[in-house]
Amino acid sequence: MELSTYFKYPQEVRTLIYTTNAVEGFHRMLRKYTKTKTIYPTDEAVRKSVYLSIQEITKKWSMPIRNWGTIIGQLMIFFEDRFNNVA
C-alpha cells in the first residue's frame, strides 16, 4: 500500500489501521497456548487444541474499539461493494 492511499482515509480509520494488530496479537496468543505441545497424535487433536485455545483467547477480548460506530460507517462508504452482503 502506498502512503498516499493511506491518507485518503479519515483520521479514525487511519488510527484503526496503524494501532490495531489484531491478527498478529491473535497469533501470538494462539502460539502461547499451543507451543507447549509440539506433537499431536491426530488432526482432531490439533483442532481441539486450537479450538480450546480460541475459547481462552476470546475471554480476554473485552475492550471495544473507540469510535467504532463512526469507523464502521466510514468503512461502509469506502468499501460499499464489500458490505452489500453483510446484514
N, C-alpha and C. Protein backbone atom coordinates (compact mmCIF):
# COMPACT_ATOMS: atom_id res chain seq x y z
N MET A 1 0.85 -1.17 0.00
CA MET A 1 0.00 0.00 0.00
C MET A 1 0.89 1.24 0.00
N GLU A 2 0.57 2.16 -0.86
CA GLU A 2 1.32 3.39 -0.92
C GLU A 2 0.86 4.34 0.19
N LEU A 3 1.76 5.20 0.61
CA LEU A 3 1.44 6.13 1.69
C LEU A 3 0.29 7.06 1.30
N SER A 4 0.23 7.47 0.04
CA SER A 4 -0.86 8.36 -0.38
C SER A 4 -2.22 7.67 -0.26
N THR A 5 -2.27 6.37 -0.46
CA THR A 5 -3.52 5.61 -0.29
C THR A 5 -3.96 5.65 1.17
N TYR A 6 -3.02 5.54 2.06
CA TYR A 6 -3.30 5.57 3.50
C TYR A 6 -3.97 6.89 3.89
N PHE A 7 -3.51 7.99 3.34
CA PHE A 7 -4.03 9.30 3.72
C PHE A 7 -5.37 9.65 3.10
N LYS A 8 -5.89 8.82 2.22
CA LYS A 8 -7.21 9.11 1.66
C LYS A 8 -8.32 8.76 2.65
N TYR A 9 -7.99 7.98 3.69
CA TYR A 9 -8.98 7.60 4.69
C TYR A 9 -9.06 8.65 5.79
N PRO A 10 -10.24 8.76 6.45
CA PRO A 10 -10.38 9.69 7.57
C PRO A 10 -9.48 9.29 8.75
N GLN A 11 -9.25 10.23 9.64
CA GLN A 11 -8.35 10.03 10.77
C GLN A 11 -8.71 8.81 11.61
N GLU A 12 -10.01 8.60 11.87
CA GLU A 12 -10.41 7.46 12.70
C GLU A 12 -10.01 6.12 12.06
N VAL A 13 -10.19 6.01 10.75
CA VAL A 13 -9.83 4.79 10.05
C VAL A 13 -8.31 4.61 10.04
N ARG A 14 -7.59 5.68 9.81
CA ARG A 14 -6.12 5.60 9.82
C ARG A 14 -5.62 5.15 11.19
N THR A 15 -6.22 5.67 12.25
CA THR A 15 -5.83 5.26 13.60
C THR A 15 -6.08 3.77 13.80
N LEU A 16 -7.23 3.29 13.33
CA LEU A 16 -7.55 1.87 13.44
C LEU A 16 -6.52 1.04 12.69
N ILE A 17 -6.11 1.48 11.52
CA ILE A 17 -5.15 0.73 10.71
C ILE A 17 -3.81 0.61 11.42
N TYR A 18 -3.29 1.70 11.92
CA TYR A 18 -1.93 1.62 12.48
C TYR A 18 -1.88 1.22 13.95
N THR A 19 -2.98 1.20 14.65
CA THR A 19 -2.93 0.82 16.06
C THR A 19 -3.47 -0.58 16.33
N THR A 20 -4.13 -1.18 15.37
CA THR A 20 -4.72 -2.49 15.59
C THR A 20 -3.90 -3.55 14.89
N ASN A 21 -3.31 -4.41 15.66
CA ASN A 21 -2.58 -5.56 15.14
C ASN A 21 -3.29 -6.82 15.60
N ALA A 22 -4.59 -6.87 15.34
CA ALA A 22 -5.42 -7.95 15.87
C ALA A 22 -4.95 -9.32 15.41
N VAL A 23 -4.62 -9.45 14.16
CA VAL A 23 -4.22 -10.77 13.65
C VAL A 23 -2.91 -11.20 14.30
N GLU A 24 -1.94 -10.28 14.37
CA GLU A 24 -0.66 -10.62 14.98
C GLU A 24 -0.83 -10.94 16.46
N GLY A 25 -1.67 -10.19 17.15
CA GLY A 25 -1.93 -10.45 18.56
C GLY A 25 -2.61 -11.79 18.77
N PHE A 26 -3.56 -12.10 17.89
CA PHE A 26 -4.25 -13.38 17.98
C PHE A 26 -3.26 -14.53 17.78
N HIS A 27 -2.41 -14.42 16.77
CA HIS A 27 -1.42 -15.48 16.51
C HIS A 27 -0.45 -15.63 17.68
N ARG A 28 -0.06 -14.52 18.27
CA ARG A 28 0.86 -14.56 19.42
C ARG A 28 0.20 -15.31 20.58
N MET A 29 -1.04 -14.99 20.86
CA MET A 29 -1.74 -15.67 21.95
C MET A 29 -1.99 -17.14 21.63
N LEU A 30 -2.32 -17.43 20.38
CA LEU A 30 -2.54 -18.82 19.99
C LEU A 30 -1.27 -19.64 20.17
N ARG A 31 -0.14 -19.08 19.78
CA ARG A 31 1.14 -19.79 19.97
C ARG A 31 1.44 -19.99 21.45
N LYS A 32 1.06 -19.02 22.27
CA LYS A 32 1.29 -19.14 23.71
C LYS A 32 0.60 -20.39 24.26
N TYR A 33 -0.61 -20.65 23.78
CA TYR A 33 -1.36 -21.80 24.26
C TYR A 33 -0.93 -23.12 23.63
N THR A 34 -0.43 -23.06 22.40
CA THR A 34 -0.14 -24.31 21.69
C THR A 34 1.35 -24.68 21.64
N LYS A 35 2.23 -23.78 22.05
CA LYS A 35 3.67 -24.06 21.89
C LYS A 35 4.19 -25.16 22.83
N THR A 36 3.50 -25.40 23.92
CA THR A 36 3.98 -26.42 24.86
C THR A 36 3.84 -27.83 24.30
N LYS A 37 2.95 -27.99 23.36
CA LYS A 37 2.74 -29.31 22.76
C LYS A 37 3.28 -29.27 21.33
N THR A 38 4.34 -30.01 21.07
CA THR A 38 4.96 -29.96 19.75
C THR A 38 4.49 -31.05 18.81
N ILE A 39 3.96 -32.13 19.35
CA ILE A 39 3.49 -33.24 18.52
C ILE A 39 2.06 -33.58 18.92
N TYR A 40 1.18 -33.63 17.92
CA TYR A 40 -0.21 -34.02 18.16
C TYR A 40 -0.44 -35.39 17.53
N PRO A 41 -1.12 -36.29 18.22
CA PRO A 41 -1.30 -37.64 17.69
C PRO A 41 -2.21 -37.71 16.46
N THR A 42 -3.20 -36.80 16.37
CA THR A 42 -4.12 -36.81 15.23
C THR A 42 -4.47 -35.39 14.82
N ASP A 43 -5.05 -35.26 13.64
CA ASP A 43 -5.53 -33.95 13.20
C ASP A 43 -6.65 -33.45 14.11
N GLU A 44 -7.45 -34.36 14.61
CA GLU A 44 -8.53 -33.99 15.52
C GLU A 44 -7.97 -33.38 16.81
N ALA A 45 -6.85 -33.89 17.29
CA ALA A 45 -6.21 -33.34 18.49
C ALA A 45 -5.74 -31.91 18.25
N VAL A 46 -5.25 -31.64 17.05
CA VAL A 46 -4.84 -30.27 16.70
C VAL A 46 -6.06 -29.36 16.71
N ARG A 47 -7.13 -29.80 16.07
CA ARG A 47 -8.36 -28.99 16.02
C ARG A 47 -8.88 -28.68 17.42
N LYS A 48 -8.89 -29.68 18.27
CA LYS A 48 -9.38 -29.47 19.64
C LYS A 48 -8.50 -28.50 20.41
N SER A 49 -7.20 -28.63 20.24
CA SER A 49 -6.27 -27.74 20.93
C SER A 49 -6.46 -26.30 20.47
N VAL A 50 -6.58 -26.11 19.17
CA VAL A 50 -6.79 -24.75 18.64
C VAL A 50 -8.14 -24.21 19.09
N TYR A 51 -9.17 -25.03 19.04
CA TYR A 51 -10.50 -24.60 19.47
C TYR A 51 -10.49 -24.15 20.93
N LEU A 52 -9.92 -24.95 21.80
CA LEU A 52 -9.87 -24.60 23.22
C LEU A 52 -9.01 -23.36 23.46
N SER A 53 -7.96 -23.21 22.67
CA SER A 53 -7.12 -22.02 22.78
C SER A 53 -7.91 -20.78 22.40
N ILE A 54 -8.68 -20.87 21.32
CA ILE A 54 -9.50 -19.74 20.88
C ILE A 54 -10.53 -19.38 21.94
N GLN A 55 -11.10 -20.39 22.60
CA GLN A 55 -12.06 -20.12 23.66
C GLN A 55 -11.42 -19.30 24.79
N GLU A 56 -10.19 -19.63 25.14
CA GLU A 56 -9.48 -18.88 26.20
C GLU A 56 -9.11 -17.47 25.72
N ILE A 57 -8.67 -17.36 24.48
CA ILE A 57 -8.25 -16.07 23.94
C ILE A 57 -9.42 -15.10 23.89
N THR A 58 -10.57 -15.56 23.43
CA THR A 58 -11.72 -14.66 23.28
C THR A 58 -12.25 -14.16 24.63
N LYS A 59 -11.94 -14.83 25.71
CA LYS A 59 -12.35 -14.33 27.03
C LYS A 59 -11.66 -13.00 27.35
N LYS A 60 -10.50 -12.77 26.75
CA LYS A 60 -9.73 -11.56 27.03
C LYS A 60 -10.12 -10.40 26.13
N TRP A 61 -10.95 -10.64 25.12
CA TRP A 61 -11.36 -9.57 24.21
C TRP A 61 -12.53 -8.82 24.79
N SER A 62 -12.25 -7.83 25.59
CA SER A 62 -13.33 -7.11 26.25
C SER A 62 -13.33 -5.62 25.94
N MET A 63 -12.27 -5.11 25.38
CA MET A 63 -12.18 -3.67 25.16
C MET A 63 -12.70 -3.31 23.77
N PRO A 64 -13.77 -2.49 23.72
CA PRO A 64 -14.31 -2.10 22.41
C PRO A 64 -13.39 -1.09 21.72
N ILE A 65 -13.52 -1.04 20.42
CA ILE A 65 -12.74 -0.07 19.64
C ILE A 65 -13.39 1.29 19.78
N ARG A 66 -12.59 2.28 20.12
CA ARG A 66 -13.09 3.65 20.31
C ARG A 66 -13.65 4.18 18.99
N ASN A 67 -14.81 4.82 19.06
CA ASN A 67 -15.49 5.42 17.90
C ASN A 67 -15.86 4.39 16.83
N TRP A 68 -16.19 3.17 17.24
CA TRP A 68 -16.46 2.12 16.27
C TRP A 68 -17.63 2.46 15.35
N GLY A 69 -18.67 3.08 15.87
CA GLY A 69 -19.81 3.45 15.04
C GLY A 69 -19.41 4.36 13.89
N THR A 70 -18.60 5.35 14.18
CA THR A 70 -18.11 6.27 13.15
C THR A 70 -17.22 5.53 12.16
N ILE A 71 -16.32 4.69 12.68
CA ILE A 71 -15.37 3.98 11.82
C ILE A 71 -16.10 3.02 10.88
N ILE A 72 -17.05 2.25 11.40
CA ILE A 72 -17.74 1.29 10.54
C ILE A 72 -18.54 2.02 9.48
N GLY A 73 -19.11 3.16 9.82
CA GLY A 73 -19.82 3.97 8.83
C GLY A 73 -18.90 4.44 7.71
N GLN A 74 -17.71 4.90 8.07
CA GLN A 74 -16.75 5.35 7.08
C GLN A 74 -16.26 4.18 6.21
N LEU A 75 -16.02 3.04 6.83
CA LEU A 75 -15.60 1.87 6.06
C LEU A 75 -16.69 1.43 5.08
N MET A 76 -17.95 1.54 5.51
CA MET A 76 -19.05 1.18 4.63
C MET A 76 -19.14 2.11 3.42
N ILE A 77 -18.75 3.35 3.60
CA ILE A 77 -18.71 4.29 2.47
C ILE A 77 -17.56 3.95 1.53
N PHE A 78 -16.38 3.72 2.06
CA PHE A 78 -15.21 3.44 1.23
C PHE A 78 -15.28 2.07 0.56
N PHE A 79 -15.88 1.10 1.24
CA PHE A 79 -15.91 -0.27 0.72
C PHE A 79 -17.35 -0.75 0.59
N GLU A 80 -18.18 0.07 -0.02
CA GLU A 80 -19.60 -0.22 -0.16
C GLU A 80 -19.85 -1.58 -0.81
N ASP A 81 -19.06 -1.92 -1.82
CA ASP A 81 -19.26 -3.18 -2.52
C ASP A 81 -19.00 -4.39 -1.64
N ARG A 82 -18.19 -4.24 -0.61
CA ARG A 82 -17.88 -5.35 0.28
C ARG A 82 -18.90 -5.51 1.40
N PHE A 83 -19.68 -4.47 1.66
CA PHE A 83 -20.65 -4.52 2.75
C PHE A 83 -22.06 -4.84 2.26
N ASN A 84 -22.25 -4.98 0.96
CA ASN A 84 -23.58 -5.26 0.43
C ASN A 84 -24.15 -6.58 0.92
N ASN A 85 -23.28 -7.58 1.13
CA ASN A 85 -23.74 -8.90 1.55
C ASN A 85 -23.81 -9.05 3.06
N VAL A 86 -23.41 -8.04 3.80
CA VAL A 86 -23.41 -8.10 5.25
C VAL A 86 -24.70 -7.48 5.77
N ALA A 87 -25.37 -8.21 6.63
CA ALA A 87 -26.62 -7.66 7.18
C ALA A 87 -26.56 -7.63 8.68
